[in-house]
Amino acid sequence: MIELQGFLAKPLTRREAVRFLGAAAGSLLMGKSVSGWQNVPMAVTAGSSNIAFPKGAVIRAILADMPPAALASGPVLFHEHLSLHLAGLEEHFTDDVALMIDRVKAAGREGVSCIVDAGHADMGRRMDALQRIAAESKIPIVASGGYYLQRTYPPEIATKTADEIRICSSMKLKRSVGVLWARSGSRVGN
């Protein structure tokens, strides 16, 4: 098993610090709750006919594949952290899965149609927690993949090609949620 390295185990580079501060400033500007999403000007609104998806397109949510139209009822929160436990932290509020279920249910009541969890294995994301949050909240959750910062990459990444990394990531995803994929009859990478 790969040992997690903490987010702040090494000092941030100047570039990483500027990115972090920019993200924090953007988050502050967006407000503290999802209830303000209705006031944000959007290029495409729910029900707009300007978006076309290829026939058979699917959204690979944790619990089931969905057609894109299933998410047309409201906004998608595309960069959330529903399970995050960075090394070096004793506790993180996302460790309280019941709290996260309540927060996701509240987002659903506000009209959110789907949440994309932006965590990764090297950030301490727990797939079992995401599965429980999705099942109990009834809000579809899509889990992102990959690695967060180069300094947290496993050593073997440096020797792999981009295709080898993609294949390896797909295999890890299959193993982590294989039972759910098998139940839905879907395969990662289709």
Foldseek 3Di string as FASTA:
>chain_A
DADAAFPVNDPDDPVRVVVVVVVVVVVVVVPDAPLCVVVDDDPDAQPDPPDDDPPPDWADFLQETHDPNQQSFAAEAEEAALFFDGPPDPDDVSVPLVVSLVRLLVVVVSGGQEYEYADEVSRVGQVVSVVVSCVSSVHTYHYDYDDDDPVRDDPCVVVDDPVVVVVVRQVVVCVRRVVSCVVRVHGPPD
